[in-house]
Amino acid sequence: MDISPDLVRRAQMLLTLDHSLPQVKQILLREGYLDDEVNELIDATEEVLNYFIPPSFTDEKIAIDIRHSSDGMDIDSTPDILIDRINGKVEMLTPHLQETWRVASELRKSLKQQYP
């Protein structure tokens, strides 16, 4: 089945606005997109997301998990930022979230003093 480009663009926009896949599905159905197309798109997206492997962490990295106002108490969430203990490099794992940028910026300012 061919999925309309308009549907794909709308789904991408909703996902960038931090809607979960079930929320995106409900919104798209409410907006009148075809059930078959929406279900196929959501299933394909879910299948692709299942292939992502969470990053491995070592004792050389500090993981920071930011509590986001939209996700409640998700205990199984992956960290948002990793800091290398050796060189102080800050790696953002969720750069699509504004909070991650804010926290990373503050961390970089603090780390500049420790890692000149």
C-alpha atoms as a PDB file:
ATOM      1  CA  MET A   1       0.000   0.000   0.000  1.00  0.00           C
ATOM      2  CA  ASP A   2       1.208   3.483  -0.823  1.00  0.00           C
ATOM      3  CA  ILE A   3       1.150   5.908   2.075  1.00  0.00           C
ATOM      4  CA  SER A   4       0.373   9.487   1.134  1.00  0.00           C
ATOM      5  CA  PRO A   5       3.304  11.914   1.563  1.00  0.00           C
ATOM      6  CA  ASP A   6       0.933  14.318   3.327  1.00  0.00           C
ATOM      7  CA  LEU A   7       0.206  11.685   5.981  1.00  0.00           C
ATOM      8  CA  VAL A   8       3.907  10.985   6.482  1.00  0.00           C
ATOM      9  CA  ARG A   9       4.707  14.714   6.840  1.00  0.00           C
ATOM     10  CA  ARG A  10       1.871  15.191   9.345  1.00  0.00           C
ATOM     11  CA  ALA A  11       3.007  12.181  11.393  1.00  0.00           C
ATOM     12  CA  GLN A  12       6.603  13.463  11.389  1.00  0.00           C
ATOM     13  CA  MET A  13       5.455  16.866  12.582  1.00  0.00           C
ATOM     14  CA  LEU A  14       3.422  15.323  15.411  1.00  0.00           C
ATOM     15  CA  LEU A  15       6.350  13.135  16.481  1.00  0.00           C
ATOM     16  CA  THR A  16       8.647  16.182  16.560  1.00  0.00           C
ATOM     17  CA  LEU A  17       6.165  17.847  18.886  1.00  0.00           C
ATOM     18  CA  ASP A  18       6.799  15.029  21.408  1.00  0.00           C
ATOM     19  CA  HIS A  19       3.596  13.080  20.826  1.00  0.00           C
ATOM     20  CA  SER A  20       3.860   9.339  21.434  1.00  0.00           C
ATOM     21  CA  LEU A  21       3.052   6.893  18.623  1.00  0.00           C
ATOM     22  CA  PRO A  22      -0.382   6.015  20.075  1.00  0.00           C
ATOM     23  CA  GLN A  23      -1.194   9.737  20.350  1.00  0.00           C
ATOM     24  CA  VAL A  24      -0.064  10.325  16.764  1.00  0.00           C
ATOM     25  CA  LYS A  25      -2.239   7.455  15.592  1.00  0.00           C
ATOM     26  CA  GLN A  26      -5.313   8.844  17.367  1.00  0.00           C
ATOM     27  CA  ILE A  27      -4.710  12.373  16.077  1.00  0.00           C
ATOM     28  CA  LEU A  28      -4.268  11.178  12.494  1.00  0.00           C
ATOM     29  CA  LEU A  29      -7.434   9.083  12.646  1.00  0.00           C
ATOM     30  CA  ARG A  30      -9.336  12.024  14.142  1.00  0.00           C
ATOM     31  CA  GLU A  31      -8.090  14.240  11.320  1.00  0.00           C
ATOM     32  CA  GLY A  32      -9.663  11.874   8.796  1.00  0.00           C
ATOM     33  CA  TYR A  33      -6.718   9.979   7.362  1.00  0.00           C
ATOM     34  CA  LEU A  34      -7.529   6.450   6.140  1.00  0.00           C
ATOM     35  CA  ASP A  35      -7.392   3.739   8.826  1.00  0.00           C
ATOM     36  CA  ASP A  36      -5.341   1.358   6.672  1.00  0.00           C
ATOM     37  CA  GLU A  37      -2.725   3.971   5.818  1.00  0.00           C
ATOM     38  CA  VAL A  38      -2.433   5.204   9.409  1.00  0.00           C
ATOM     39  CA  ASN A  39      -2.124   1.670  10.798  1.00  0.00           C
ATOM     40  CA  GLU A  40       0.496   0.724   8.210  1.00  0.00           C
ATOM     41  CA  LEU A  41       2.525   3.868   8.888  1.00  0.00           C
ATOM     42  CA  ILE A  42       2.395   3.467  12.669  1.00  0.00           C
ATOM     43  CA  ASP A  43       3.254  -0.258  12.460  1.00  0.00           C
ATOM     44  CA  ALA A  44       6.200   0.448  10.153  1.00  0.00           C
ATOM     45  CA  THR A  45       7.433   3.248  12.418  1.00  0.00           C
ATOM     46  CA  GLU A  46       7.158   1.025  15.482  1.00  0.00           C
ATOM     47  CA  GLU A  47       9.049  -1.767  13.710  1.00  0.00           C
ATOM     48  CA  VAL A  48      11.887   0.581  12.776  1.00  0.00           C
ATOM     49  CA  LEU A  49      12.076   1.991  16.306  1.00  0.00           C
ATOM     50  CA  ASN A  50      12.410  -1.537  17.697  1.00  0.00           C
ATOM     51  CA  TYR A  51      15.674  -1.910  15.752  1.00  0.00           C
ATOM     52  CA  PHE A  52      17.336   0.931  17.628  1.00  0.00           C
ATOM     53  CA  ILE A  53      19.691  -0.319  20.295  1.00  0.00           C
ATOM     54  CA  PRO A  54      20.155   1.827  23.389  1.00  0.00           C
ATOM     55  CA  PRO A  55      23.710   3.082  23.805  1.00  0.00           C
ATOM     56  CA  SER A  56      26.020   1.071  25.998  1.00  0.00           C
ATOM     57  CA  PHE A  57      27.426   2.800  29.050  1.00  0.00           C
ATOM     58  CA  THR A  58      30.760   2.187  30.662  1.00  0.00           C
ATOM     59  CA  ASP A  59      32.315   3.264  33.911  1.00  0.00           C
ATOM     60  CA  GLU A  60      34.046   5.998  31.941  1.00  0.00           C
ATOM     61  CA  LYS A  61      30.768   7.822  31.251  1.00  0.00           C
ATOM     62  CA  ILE A  62      28.242   9.584  33.432  1.00  0.00           C
ATOM     63  CA  ALA A  63      24.648   9.227  32.269  1.00  0.00           C
ATOM     64  CA  ILE A  64      22.161  12.020  32.971  1.00  0.00           C
ATOM     65  CA  ASP A  65      18.441  11.401  32.698  1.00  0.00           C
ATOM     66  CA  ILE A  66      16.375  14.579  32.587  1.00  0.00           C
ATOM     67  CA  ARG A  67      12.892  14.435  34.044  1.00  0.00           C
ATOM     68  CA  HIS A  68      10.630  15.742  31.307  1.00  0.00           C
ATOM     69  CA  SER A  69       7.289  17.239  32.226  1.00  0.00           C
ATOM     70  CA  SER A  70       5.503  15.294  29.476  1.00  0.00           C
ATOM     71  CA  ASP A  71       6.624  11.774  30.352  1.00  0.00           C
ATOM     72  CA  GLY A  72       5.698  11.398  34.010  1.00  0.00           C
ATOM     73  CA  MET A  73       7.614   8.690  35.869  1.00  0.00           C
ATOM     74  CA  ASP A  74       9.091   6.557  33.096  1.00  0.00           C
ATOM     75  CA  ILE A  75      11.663   4.463  34.959  1.00  0.00           C
ATOM     76  CA  ASP A  76      12.880   2.547  31.872  1.00  0.00           C
ATOM     77  CA  SER A  77      13.795   5.685  29.938  1.00  0.00           C
ATOM     78  CA  THR A  78      17.259   5.997  28.449  1.00  0.00           C
ATOM     79  CA  PRO A  79      19.520   8.841  29.549  1.00  0.00           C
ATOM     80  CA  ASP A  80      19.429  12.152  27.739  1.00  0.00           C
ATOM     81  CA  ILE A  81      23.090  13.104  28.111  1.00  0.00           C
ATOM     82  CA  LEU A  82      26.388  11.234  28.508  1.00  0.00           C
ATOM     83  CA  ILE A  83      29.500  12.885  29.916  1.00  0.00           C
ATOM     84  CA  ASP A  84      32.907  11.320  29.342  1.00  0.00           C
ATOM     85  CA  ARG A  85      34.750  11.217  32.682  1.00  0.00           C
ATOM     86  CA  ILE A  86      38.150  11.377  30.994  1.00  0.00           C
ATOM     87  CA  ASN A  87      37.827  14.359  28.661  1.00  0.00           C
ATOM     88  CA  GLY A  88      34.542  15.975  29.755  1.00  0.00           C
ATOM     89  CA  LYS A  89      32.899  15.585  26.340  1.00  0.00           C
ATOM     90  CA  VAL A  90      29.109  16.041  26.496  1.00  0.00           C
ATOM     91  CA  GLU A  91      27.043  13.809  24.187  1.00  0.00           C
ATOM     92  CA  MET A  92      23.322  14.480  23.752  1.00  0.00           C
ATOM     93  CA  LEU A  93      21.229  11.362  23.169  1.00  0.00           C
ATOM     94  CA  THR A  94      17.948  13.280  22.859  1.00  0.00           C
ATOM     95  CA  PRO A  95      18.933  16.425  20.937  1.00  0.00           C
ATOM     96  CA  HIS A  96      15.365  16.857  19.699  1.00  0.00           C
ATOM     97  CA  LEU A  97      14.274  17.944  23.204  1.00  0.00           C
ATOM     98  CA  GLN A  98      14.767  21.552  24.309  1.00  0.00           C
ATOM     99  CA  GLU A  99      15.498  20.552  27.902  1.00  0.00           C
ATOM    100  CA  THR A 100      18.450  18.474  26.738  1.00  0.00           C
ATOM    101  CA  TRP A 101      20.001  21.488  25.011  1.00  0.00           C
ATOM    102  CA  ARG A 102      19.519  23.665  28.080  1.00  0.00           C
ATOM    103  CA  VAL A 103      21.042  21.120  30.466  1.00  0.00           C
ATOM    104  CA  ALA A 104      23.915  20.329  28.079  1.00  0.00           C
ATOM    105  CA  SER A 105      24.704  24.029  27.763  1.00  0.00           C
ATOM    106  CA  GLU A 106      24.867  24.441  31.528  1.00  0.00           C
ATOM    107  CA  LEU A 107      26.988  21.295  31.851  1.00  0.00           C
ATOM    108  CA  ARG A 108      29.441  22.550  29.238  1.00  0.00           C
ATOM    109  CA  LYS A 109      29.797  25.841  31.116  1.00  0.00           C
ATOM    110  CA  SER A 110      30.535  23.986  34.351  1.00  0.00           C
ATOM    111  CA  LEU A 111      32.893  21.507  32.712  1.00  0.00           C
ATOM    112  CA  LYS A 112      34.975  24.249  31.053  1.00  0.00           C
ATOM    113  CA  GLN A 113      36.341  25.052  34.481  1.00  0.00           C
ATOM    114  CA  GLN A 114      37.320  21.421  35.177  1.00  0.00           C
ATOM    115  CA  TYR A 115      38.556  20.529  31.679  1.00  0.00           C
ATOM    116  CA  PRO A 116      40.340  23.628  30.348  1.00  0.00           C
END
